[in-house]
Amino acid sequence: MAIRLVRRVSKILSLPALQRRLRILRRQDQRIVFTNGCFDLIHPGHVRYLRAAKRLGDVLVVGLNSDASVRRLKGPARPLVPQRDRCEVMAALEMVDYVTVFNDATPYALIKRLQPDVLVKGGDWRPADIVGADIVRARGGCVRSLRFAAGYSTTRLVERIKSRERAKVKS
């Protein structure tokens, strides 16, 4: 019996490697969907959002804010989970095809380099306000704001954990 070796391709790529991979996929007429975020503590709201984003195309690329970027956006106590671990968790999700890290405050430069066909953000963003929408629309792509799954928020989750810890200390 012959043993077949399968080479596993990493889903976590540097920007140049991701650009090369997307060029190949475009030649195969694959529709590229892009979203971004901190994804500090993954919860069901994230999973539902990412599944909905994936349904908009063939390949889902997630731009993950670096640790420094998260600190600038969310404050010195964040992220709770280091970027290496956030990348690993994000790459483990079946609907996510590729993950890349960016260090800027916004993903504008990343979107400009990747040129996705579809740009997606969560329901707190109006399509007109989504960073990079001008880039995607200029090449005939579409921009979507997806509904939030009610009751899920990383910030609320962090507050609930803190509240429970405070309650334990008082006991």
N, C-alpha and C. Protein backbone atom coordinates (compact mmCIF):
# COMPACT_ATOMS: atom_id res chain seq x y z
N MET A 1 0.84 -1.17 0.00
CA MET A 1 0.00 0.00 0.00
C MET A 1 0.89 1.24 0.00
N ALA A 2 0.65 2.13 -0.94
CA ALA A 2 1.45 3.35 -1.06
C ALA A 2 0.91 4.41 -0.11
N ILE A 3 1.81 5.13 0.48
CA ILE A 3 1.44 6.23 1.37
C ILE A 3 1.55 7.51 0.56
N ARG A 4 0.47 8.25 0.55
CA ARG A 4 0.46 9.52 -0.19
C ARG A 4 0.73 10.67 0.77
N LEU A 5 1.76 11.42 0.49
CA LEU A 5 2.08 12.57 1.33
C LEU A 5 1.38 13.80 0.77
N VAL A 6 0.74 14.53 1.65
CA VAL A 6 0.05 15.76 1.26
C VAL A 6 0.77 16.92 1.92
N ARG A 7 1.21 17.84 1.10
CA ARG A 7 1.89 19.02 1.63
C ARG A 7 0.84 20.02 2.09
N ARG A 8 0.87 20.38 3.34
CA ARG A 8 -0.07 21.34 3.88
C ARG A 8 0.42 22.75 3.56
N VAL A 9 -0.47 23.54 3.02
CA VAL A 9 -0.14 24.92 2.69
C VAL A 9 -0.61 25.80 3.84
N SER A 10 0.28 26.65 4.31
CA SER A 10 -0.07 27.52 5.42
C SER A 10 -1.14 28.53 5.01
N LYS A 11 -2.04 28.80 5.92
CA LYS A 11 -3.06 29.82 5.69
C LYS A 11 -2.58 31.18 6.18
N ILE A 12 -1.53 31.20 6.98
CA ILE A 12 -0.98 32.45 7.53
C ILE A 12 0.19 32.87 6.63
N LEU A 13 0.00 33.98 5.92
CA LEU A 13 1.00 34.39 4.93
C LEU A 13 1.45 35.83 5.14
N SER A 14 2.68 36.07 4.75
CA SER A 14 3.18 37.45 4.69
C SER A 14 2.45 38.13 3.54
N LEU A 15 2.51 39.45 3.51
CA LEU A 15 1.84 40.17 2.43
C LEU A 15 2.36 39.78 1.05
N PRO A 16 3.68 39.72 0.82
CA PRO A 16 4.15 39.32 -0.52
C PRO A 16 3.69 37.91 -0.92
N ALA A 17 3.74 36.97 0.02
CA ALA A 17 3.30 35.60 -0.27
C ALA A 17 1.80 35.57 -0.58
N LEU A 18 1.04 36.34 0.17
CA LEU A 18 -0.41 36.40 -0.07
C LEU A 18 -0.71 37.01 -1.44
N GLN A 19 0.00 38.06 -1.79
CA GLN A 19 -0.20 38.68 -3.11
C GLN A 19 0.07 37.67 -4.23
N ARG A 20 1.14 36.89 -4.10
CA ARG A 20 1.44 35.86 -5.11
C ARG A 20 0.32 34.83 -5.19
N ARG A 21 -0.16 34.40 -4.04
CA ARG A 21 -1.23 33.38 -4.00
C ARG A 21 -2.51 33.93 -4.63
N LEU A 22 -2.85 35.18 -4.33
CA LEU A 22 -4.07 35.77 -4.89
C LEU A 22 -3.97 35.96 -6.40
N ARG A 23 -2.78 36.26 -6.92
CA ARG A 23 -2.61 36.37 -8.38
C ARG A 23 -2.96 35.04 -9.05
N ILE A 24 -2.51 33.95 -8.47
CA ILE A 24 -2.82 32.62 -9.01
C ILE A 24 -4.31 32.36 -8.95
N LEU A 25 -4.93 32.67 -7.83
CA LEU A 25 -6.36 32.42 -7.65
C LEU A 25 -7.20 33.28 -8.60
N ARG A 26 -6.77 34.49 -8.86
CA ARG A 26 -7.50 35.36 -9.81
C ARG A 26 -7.46 34.79 -11.22
N ARG A 27 -6.32 34.21 -11.58
CA ARG A 27 -6.21 33.58 -12.91
C ARG A 27 -7.17 32.40 -13.02
N GLN A 28 -7.57 31.85 -11.89
CA GLN A 28 -8.53 30.74 -11.85
C GLN A 28 -9.96 31.26 -11.66
N ASP A 29 -10.15 32.58 -11.85
CA ASP A 29 -11.46 33.24 -11.71
C ASP A 29 -12.08 33.10 -10.33
N GLN A 30 -11.24 33.09 -9.31
CA GLN A 30 -11.73 33.04 -7.93
C GLN A 30 -12.06 34.44 -7.46
N ARG A 31 -13.19 34.58 -6.78
CA ARG A 31 -13.64 35.87 -6.24
C ARG A 31 -13.06 36.02 -4.84
N ILE A 32 -12.28 37.09 -4.62
CA ILE A 32 -11.56 37.31 -3.36
C ILE A 32 -12.37 38.23 -2.45
N VAL A 33 -12.66 37.74 -1.24
CA VAL A 33 -13.37 38.51 -0.22
C VAL A 33 -12.36 38.88 0.86
N PHE A 34 -12.41 40.13 1.31
CA PHE A 34 -11.49 40.60 2.35
C PHE A 34 -12.27 41.19 3.50
N THR A 35 -11.83 40.86 4.70
CA THR A 35 -12.31 41.54 5.90
C THR A 35 -11.13 41.71 6.84
N ASN A 36 -11.31 42.49 7.86
CA ASN A 36 -10.22 42.70 8.81
C ASN A 36 -10.76 42.94 10.20
N GLY A 37 -9.87 42.83 11.18
CA GLY A 37 -10.26 43.12 12.55
C GLY A 37 -9.21 42.65 13.53
N CYS A 38 -9.49 42.90 14.80
CA CYS A 38 -8.59 42.49 15.88
C CYS A 38 -8.79 41.02 16.21
N PHE A 39 -10.03 40.58 16.24
CA PHE A 39 -10.39 39.19 16.54
C PHE A 39 -9.63 38.71 17.77
N ASP A 40 -9.76 39.48 18.85
CA ASP A 40 -9.02 39.22 20.08
C ASP A 40 -9.53 37.97 20.80
N LEU A 41 -10.79 37.92 21.08
CA LEU A 41 -11.41 36.72 21.67
C LEU A 41 -12.50 36.26 20.70
N ILE A 42 -12.27 35.15 20.06
CA ILE A 42 -13.23 34.67 19.06
C ILE A 42 -14.50 34.18 19.78
N HIS A 43 -15.64 34.66 19.31
CA HIS A 43 -16.94 34.27 19.87
C HIS A 43 -17.89 33.93 18.72
N PRO A 44 -19.08 33.39 19.01
CA PRO A 44 -20.01 33.00 17.94
C PRO A 44 -20.35 34.13 16.97
N GLY A 45 -20.36 35.36 17.43
CA GLY A 45 -20.62 36.48 16.52
C GLY A 45 -19.57 36.56 15.43
N HIS A 46 -18.31 36.35 15.80
CA HIS A 46 -17.24 36.34 14.80
C HIS A 46 -17.42 35.20 13.80
N VAL A 47 -17.72 34.01 14.33
CA VAL A 47 -17.87 32.84 13.47
C VAL A 47 -19.01 33.05 12.47
N ARG A 48 -20.13 33.56 12.92
CA ARG A 48 -21.27 33.80 12.03
C ARG A 48 -20.93 34.86 10.98
N TYR A 49 -20.25 35.89 11.41
CA TYR A 49 -19.84 36.97 10.50
C TYR A 49 -18.89 36.44 9.42
N LEU A 50 -17.90 35.65 9.83
CA LEU A 50 -16.93 35.12 8.88
C LEU A 50 -17.57 34.13 7.91
N ARG A 51 -18.52 33.34 8.39
CA ARG A 51 -19.26 32.43 7.49
C ARG A 51 -20.03 33.23 6.44
N ALA A 52 -20.70 34.28 6.89
CA ALA A 52 -21.47 35.12 5.96
C ALA A 52 -20.53 35.79 4.95
N ALA A 53 -19.37 36.24 5.41
CA ALA A 53 -18.40 36.87 4.51
C ALA A 53 -17.92 35.87 3.46
N LYS A 54 -17.63 34.66 3.86
CA LYS A 54 -17.14 33.63 2.94
C LYS A 54 -18.17 33.34 1.85
N ARG A 55 -19.45 33.39 2.19
CA ARG A 55 -20.50 33.11 1.20
C ARG A 55 -20.53 34.15 0.07
N LEU A 56 -19.86 35.28 0.24
CA LEU A 56 -19.85 36.34 -0.78
C LEU A 56 -18.82 36.12 -1.87
N GLY A 57 -18.02 35.06 -1.75
CA GLY A 57 -17.00 34.80 -2.76
C GLY A 57 -16.42 33.41 -2.63
N ASP A 58 -15.26 33.23 -3.23
CA ASP A 58 -14.61 31.93 -3.23
C ASP A 58 -13.50 31.81 -2.19
N VAL A 59 -12.81 32.91 -1.94
CA VAL A 59 -11.64 32.92 -1.06
C VAL A 59 -11.81 34.03 -0.03
N LEU A 60 -11.72 33.68 1.25
CA LEU A 60 -11.84 34.68 2.31
C LEU A 60 -10.47 34.96 2.91
N VAL A 61 -10.07 36.23 2.81
CA VAL A 61 -8.80 36.70 3.37
C VAL A 61 -9.12 37.58 4.58
N VAL A 62 -8.46 37.30 5.70
CA VAL A 62 -8.63 38.11 6.91
C VAL A 62 -7.34 38.88 7.18
N GLY A 63 -7.47 40.20 7.25
CA GLY A 63 -6.37 41.06 7.68
C GLY A 63 -6.48 41.21 9.18
N LEU A 64 -5.50 40.74 9.90
CA LEU A 64 -5.52 40.76 11.37
C LEU A 64 -4.66 41.90 11.88
N ASN A 65 -5.24 42.76 12.73
CA ASN A 65 -4.47 43.85 13.33
C ASN A 65 -3.33 43.27 14.17
N SER A 66 -2.14 43.82 14.00
CA SER A 66 -0.99 43.41 14.82
C SER A 66 -1.25 43.80 16.27
N ASP A 67 -0.44 43.27 17.17
CA ASP A 67 -0.59 43.62 18.59
C ASP A 67 -0.45 45.12 18.79
N ALA A 68 0.53 45.75 18.14
CA ALA A 68 0.73 47.20 18.29
C ALA A 68 -0.48 47.96 17.77
N SER A 69 -1.04 47.51 16.67
CA SER A 69 -2.22 48.15 16.10
C SER A 69 -3.42 48.03 17.04
N VAL A 70 -3.60 46.86 17.63
CA VAL A 70 -4.71 46.65 18.58
C VAL A 70 -4.54 47.58 19.78
N ARG A 71 -3.32 47.69 20.29
CA ARG A 71 -3.08 48.59 21.44
C ARG A 71 -3.45 50.03 21.10
N ARG A 72 -3.09 50.46 19.90
CA ARG A 72 -3.43 51.83 19.48
C ARG A 72 -4.94 52.01 19.38
N LEU A 73 -5.65 51.00 18.94
CA LEU A 73 -7.10 51.10 18.76
C LEU A 73 -7.89 50.89 20.04
N LYS A 74 -7.45 49.90 20.85
CA LYS A 74 -8.26 49.45 21.99
C LYS A 74 -7.69 49.82 23.36
N GLY A 75 -6.44 50.31 23.37
CA GLY A 75 -5.83 50.68 24.65
C GLY A 75 -4.76 49.70 25.09
N PRO A 76 -4.01 50.06 26.12
CA PRO A 76 -2.83 49.30 26.53
C PRO A 76 -3.13 47.91 27.10
N ALA A 77 -4.38 47.66 27.52
CA ALA A 77 -4.72 46.35 28.08
C ALA A 77 -5.05 45.32 27.00
N ARG A 78 -5.08 45.74 25.76
CA ARG A 78 -5.42 44.82 24.68
C ARG A 78 -4.24 44.73 23.71
N PRO A 79 -4.08 43.68 22.97
CA PRO A 79 -4.98 42.53 22.92
C PRO A 79 -4.78 41.61 24.12
N LEU A 80 -5.76 40.82 24.39
CA LEU A 80 -5.66 39.80 25.43
C LEU A 80 -4.92 38.58 24.90
N VAL A 81 -5.07 38.33 23.63
CA VAL A 81 -4.43 37.18 22.98
C VAL A 81 -3.40 37.71 21.99
N PRO A 82 -2.14 37.27 22.09
CA PRO A 82 -1.09 37.77 21.19
C PRO A 82 -1.37 37.43 19.72
N GLN A 83 -0.83 38.23 18.82
CA GLN A 83 -1.14 38.08 17.40
C GLN A 83 -0.80 36.71 16.85
N ARG A 84 0.28 36.12 17.29
CA ARG A 84 0.63 34.78 16.81
C ARG A 84 -0.50 33.78 17.11
N ASP A 85 -1.04 33.86 18.33
CA ASP A 85 -2.13 32.97 18.72
C ASP A 85 -3.43 33.33 18.01
N ARG A 86 -3.68 34.64 17.83
CA ARG A 86 -4.89 35.05 17.10
C ARG A 86 -4.83 34.56 15.65
N CYS A 87 -3.65 34.61 15.06
CA CYS A 87 -3.47 34.09 13.69
C CYS A 87 -3.78 32.59 13.64
N GLU A 88 -3.26 31.87 14.60
CA GLU A 88 -3.46 30.41 14.62
C GLU A 88 -4.94 30.06 14.74
N VAL A 89 -5.63 30.74 15.63
CA VAL A 89 -7.07 30.48 15.82
C VAL A 89 -7.84 30.85 14.55
N MET A 90 -7.54 32.01 13.99
CA MET A 90 -8.23 32.45 12.78
C MET A 90 -7.99 31.46 11.63
N ALA A 91 -6.77 31.01 11.46
CA ALA A 91 -6.44 30.07 10.39
C ALA A 91 -7.10 28.71 10.60
N ALA A 92 -7.44 28.39 11.83
CA ALA A 92 -8.08 27.10 12.12
C ALA A 92 -9.56 27.08 11.71
N LEU A 93 -10.14 28.24 11.50
CA LEU A 93 -11.55 28.30 11.11
C LEU A 93 -11.71 27.87 9.66
N GLU A 94 -12.65 26.96 9.41
CA GLU A 94 -12.77 26.38 8.07
C GLU A 94 -13.13 27.38 6.99
N MET A 95 -13.83 28.44 7.34
CA MET A 95 -14.26 29.41 6.31
C MET A 95 -13.17 30.40 5.94
N VAL A 96 -12.11 30.48 6.73
CA VAL A 96 -11.01 31.42 6.48
C VAL A 96 -9.97 30.72 5.62
N ASP A 97 -9.65 31.33 4.48
CA ASP A 97 -8.66 30.74 3.58
C ASP A 97 -7.25 31.25 3.86
N TYR A 98 -7.12 32.56 4.13
CA TYR A 98 -5.80 33.13 4.38
C TYR A 98 -5.89 34.22 5.44
N VAL A 99 -4.79 34.34 6.19
CA VAL A 99 -4.66 35.36 7.23
C VAL A 99 -3.34 36.07 7.00
N THR A 100 -3.38 37.39 7.12
CA THR A 100 -2.16 38.18 7.08
C THR A 100 -2.27 39.27 8.15
N VAL A 101 -1.15 39.68 8.67
CA VAL A 101 -1.12 40.68 9.75
C VAL A 101 -0.75 42.03 9.17
N PHE A 102 -1.42 43.09 9.66
CA PHE A 102 -1.04 44.45 9.27
C PHE A 102 -0.86 45.30 10.51
N ASN A 103 0.03 46.28 10.42
CA ASN A 103 0.42 47.07 11.58
C ASN A 103 -0.18 48.47 11.60
N ASP A 104 -0.82 48.88 10.52
CA ASP A 104 -1.37 50.23 10.44
C ASP A 104 -2.65 50.36 11.26
N ALA A 105 -3.08 51.60 11.47
CA ALA A 105 -4.33 51.85 12.20
C ALA A 105 -5.54 51.37 11.40
N THR A 106 -5.43 51.45 10.07
CA THR A 106 -6.51 50.98 9.21
C THR A 106 -5.91 50.02 8.17
N PRO A 107 -6.75 49.22 7.52
CA PRO A 107 -6.25 48.29 6.51
C PRO A 107 -6.15 48.91 5.11
N TYR A 108 -6.20 50.23 5.01
CA TYR A 108 -6.26 50.87 3.69
C TYR A 108 -5.11 50.44 2.78
N ALA A 109 -3.88 50.53 3.26
CA ALA A 109 -2.72 50.15 2.44
C ALA A 109 -2.77 48.67 2.06
N LEU A 110 -3.22 47.84 2.98
CA LEU A 110 -3.33 46.40 2.73
C LEU A 110 -4.37 46.13 1.63
N ILE A 111 -5.52 46.79 1.73
CA ILE A 111 -6.57 46.63 0.72
C ILE A 111 -6.06 47.09 -0.64
N LYS A 112 -5.32 48.18 -0.64
CA LYS A 112 -4.76 48.71 -1.89
C LYS A 112 -3.82 47.69 -2.54
N ARG A 113 -3.06 46.99 -1.73
CA ARG A 113 -2.11 46.00 -2.26
C ARG A 113 -2.81 44.70 -2.67
N LEU A 114 -3.87 44.32 -1.95
CA LEU A 114 -4.53 43.04 -2.24
C LEU A 114 -5.60 43.14 -3.33
N GLN A 115 -6.24 44.31 -3.46
CA GLN A 115 -7.27 44.53 -4.47
C GLN A 115 -8.37 43.46 -4.45
N PRO A 116 -9.06 43.31 -3.32
CA PRO A 116 -10.12 42.29 -3.26
C PRO A 116 -11.31 42.64 -4.14
N ASP A 117 -12.10 41.62 -4.46
CA ASP A 117 -13.32 41.82 -5.25
C ASP A 117 -14.48 42.25 -4.36
N VAL A 118 -14.44 41.79 -3.11
CA VAL A 118 -15.50 42.10 -2.14
C VAL A 118 -14.83 42.53 -0.85
N LEU A 119 -15.33 43.63 -0.28
CA LEU A 119 -14.83 44.14 1.00
C LEU A 119 -15.98 44.07 1.99
N VAL A 120 -15.73 43.47 3.15
CA VAL A 120 -16.79 43.22 4.12
C VAL A 120 -16.39 43.74 5.50
N LYS A 121 -17.34 44.37 6.19
CA LYS A 121 -17.16 44.75 7.60
C LYS A 121 -18.45 44.43 8.34
N GLY A 122 -18.38 44.56 9.65
CA GLY A 122 -19.54 44.28 10.49
C GLY A 122 -20.57 45.40 10.47
N GLY A 123 -21.70 45.12 11.05
CA GLY A 123 -22.86 46.00 11.02
C GLY A 123 -22.68 47.37 11.63
N ASP A 124 -21.60 47.60 12.36
CA ASP A 124 -21.38 48.94 12.92
C ASP A 124 -20.76 49.87 11.89
N TRP A 125 -20.49 49.37 10.70
CA TRP A 125 -19.93 50.18 9.61
C TRP A 125 -20.98 50.36 8.52
N ARG A 126 -21.22 51.61 8.14
CA ARG A 126 -22.04 51.88 6.95
C ARG A 126 -21.14 51.64 5.75
N PRO A 127 -21.65 51.04 4.67
CA PRO A 127 -20.80 50.77 3.51
C PRO A 127 -20.03 52.00 3.03
N ALA A 128 -20.63 53.17 3.10
CA ALA A 128 -19.96 54.40 2.65
C ALA A 128 -18.75 54.75 3.52
N ASP A 129 -18.73 54.26 4.76
CA ASP A 129 -17.66 54.60 5.70
C ASP A 129 -16.59 53.52 5.82
N ILE A 130 -16.74 52.42 5.12
CA ILE A 130 -15.79 51.31 5.25
C ILE A 130 -14.46 51.69 4.59
N VAL A 131 -13.40 51.60 5.36
CA VAL A 131 -12.06 51.93 4.89
C VAL A 131 -11.71 51.04 3.71
N GLY A 132 -11.29 51.65 2.61
CA GLY A 132 -10.90 50.92 1.42
C GLY A 132 -12.02 50.72 0.42
N ALA A 133 -13.22 51.19 0.76
CA ALA A 133 -14.36 51.02 -0.16
C ALA A 133 -14.08 51.67 -1.51
N ASP A 134 -13.41 52.81 -1.49
CA ASP A 134 -13.10 53.50 -2.75
C ASP A 134 -12.22 52.65 -3.66
N ILE A 135 -11.28 51.94 -3.08
CA ILE A 135 -10.37 51.09 -3.85
C ILE A 135 -11.14 49.95 -4.51
N VAL A 136 -11.98 49.29 -3.73
CA VAL A 136 -12.72 48.12 -4.23
C VAL A 136 -13.75 48.53 -5.28
N ARG A 137 -14.46 49.60 -5.01
CA ARG A 137 -15.48 50.06 -5.96
C ARG A 137 -14.84 50.54 -7.27
N ALA A 138 -13.66 51.16 -7.19
CA ALA A 138 -12.99 51.68 -8.38
C ALA A 138 -12.67 50.57 -9.39
N ARG A 139 -12.52 49.36 -8.90
CA ARG A 139 -12.23 48.26 -9.82
C ARG A 139 -13.45 47.37 -10.06
N GLY A 140 -14.63 47.89 -9.70
CA GLY A 140 -15.88 47.17 -9.99
C GLY A 140 -16.30 46.18 -8.92
N GLY A 141 -15.63 46.20 -7.77
CA GLY A 141 -15.98 45.29 -6.69
C GLY A 141 -17.14 45.81 -5.86
N CYS A 142 -17.54 45.02 -4.87
CA CYS A 142 -18.64 45.46 -4.01
C CYS A 142 -18.21 45.53 -2.55
N VAL A 143 -18.92 46.35 -1.81
CA VAL A 143 -18.63 46.60 -0.40
C VAL A 143 -19.90 46.27 0.37
N ARG A 144 -19.75 45.46 1.43
CA ARG A 144 -20.91 45.03 2.19
C ARG A 144 -20.69 45.23 3.69
N SER A 145 -21.75 45.60 4.36
CA SER A 145 -21.78 45.67 5.81
C SER A 145 -22.73 44.57 6.28
N LEU A 146 -22.20 43.60 7.04
CA LEU A 146 -23.00 42.46 7.46
C LEU A 146 -23.57 42.68 8.86
N ARG A 147 -24.77 42.17 9.07
CA ARG A 147 -25.43 42.33 10.37
C ARG A 147 -24.64 41.65 11.48
N PHE A 148 -24.68 42.26 12.64
CA PHE A 148 -24.08 41.67 13.82
C PHE A 148 -24.98 40.57 14.37
N ALA A 149 -24.37 39.57 14.97
CA ALA A 149 -25.12 38.58 15.73
C ALA A 149 -25.39 39.22 17.09
N ALA A 150 -26.63 39.42 17.41
CA ALA A 150 -27.01 40.12 18.64
C ALA A 150 -26.43 39.45 19.88
N GLY A 151 -25.97 40.28 20.79
CA GLY A 151 -25.51 39.79 22.09
C GLY A 151 -24.05 39.40 22.17
N TYR A 152 -23.31 39.56 21.09
CA TYR A 152 -21.89 39.17 21.11
C TYR A 152 -21.00 40.39 20.89
N SER A 153 -20.04 40.54 21.79
CA SER A 153 -19.09 41.63 21.70
C SER A 153 -17.87 41.26 22.54
N THR A 154 -16.69 41.41 21.96
CA THR A 154 -15.47 41.12 22.72
C THR A 154 -15.36 42.07 23.91
N THR A 155 -15.69 43.34 23.70
CA THR A 155 -15.61 44.31 24.80
C THR A 155 -16.54 43.92 25.93
N ARG A 156 -17.77 43.51 25.59
CA ARG A 156 -18.71 43.08 26.64
C ARG A 156 -18.23 41.81 27.32
N LEU A 157 -17.63 40.92 26.57
CA LEU A 157 -17.10 39.69 27.14
C LEU A 157 -15.98 40.00 28.13
N VAL A 158 -15.11 40.91 27.78
CA VAL A 158 -14.02 41.32 28.69
C VAL A 158 -14.61 41.94 29.95
N GLU A 159 -15.61 42.79 29.79
CA GLU A 159 -16.25 43.42 30.97
C GLU A 159 -16.91 42.38 31.87
N ARG A 160 -17.55 41.38 31.27
CA ARG A 160 -18.19 40.32 32.06
C ARG A 160 -17.15 39.53 32.85
N ILE A 161 -16.01 39.24 32.25
CA ILE A 161 -14.93 38.52 32.94
C ILE A 161 -14.41 39.37 34.10
N LYS A 162 -14.19 40.66 33.86
CA LYS A 162 -13.72 41.55 34.93
C LYS A 162 -14.73 41.61 36.07
N SER A 163 -15.99 41.70 35.73
CA SER A 163 -17.06 41.77 36.73
C SER A 163 -17.07 40.51 37.59
N ARG A 164 -16.92 39.38 36.97
CA ARG A 164 -16.92 38.11 37.72
C ARG A 164 -15.68 38.02 38.62
N GLU A 165 -14.55 38.50 38.13
CA GLU A 165 -13.35 38.51 38.95
C GLU A 165 -13.51 39.43 40.16
N ARG A 166 -14.12 40.60 39.94
CA ARG A 166 -14.38 41.52 41.06
C ARG A 166 -15.31 40.88 42.07
N ALA A 167 -16.31 40.16 41.60
CA ALA A 167 -17.26 39.50 42.49
C ALA A 167 -16.57 38.40 43.30
N LYS A 168 -15.63 37.68 42.70
CA LYS A 168 -14.88 36.64 43.41
C LYS A 168 -14.05 37.25 44.53
N VAL A 169 -13.40 38.38 44.25
CA VAL A 169 -12.55 39.04 45.23
C VAL A 169 -13.39 39.49 46.43
N LYS A 170 -14.62 39.96 46.19
CA LYS A 170 -15.49 40.42 47.27
C LYS A 170 -16.03 39.26 48.12
N SER A 171 -16.07 38.07 47.55
CA SER A 171 -16.62 36.90 48.27
C SER A 171 -15.72 36.42 49.36
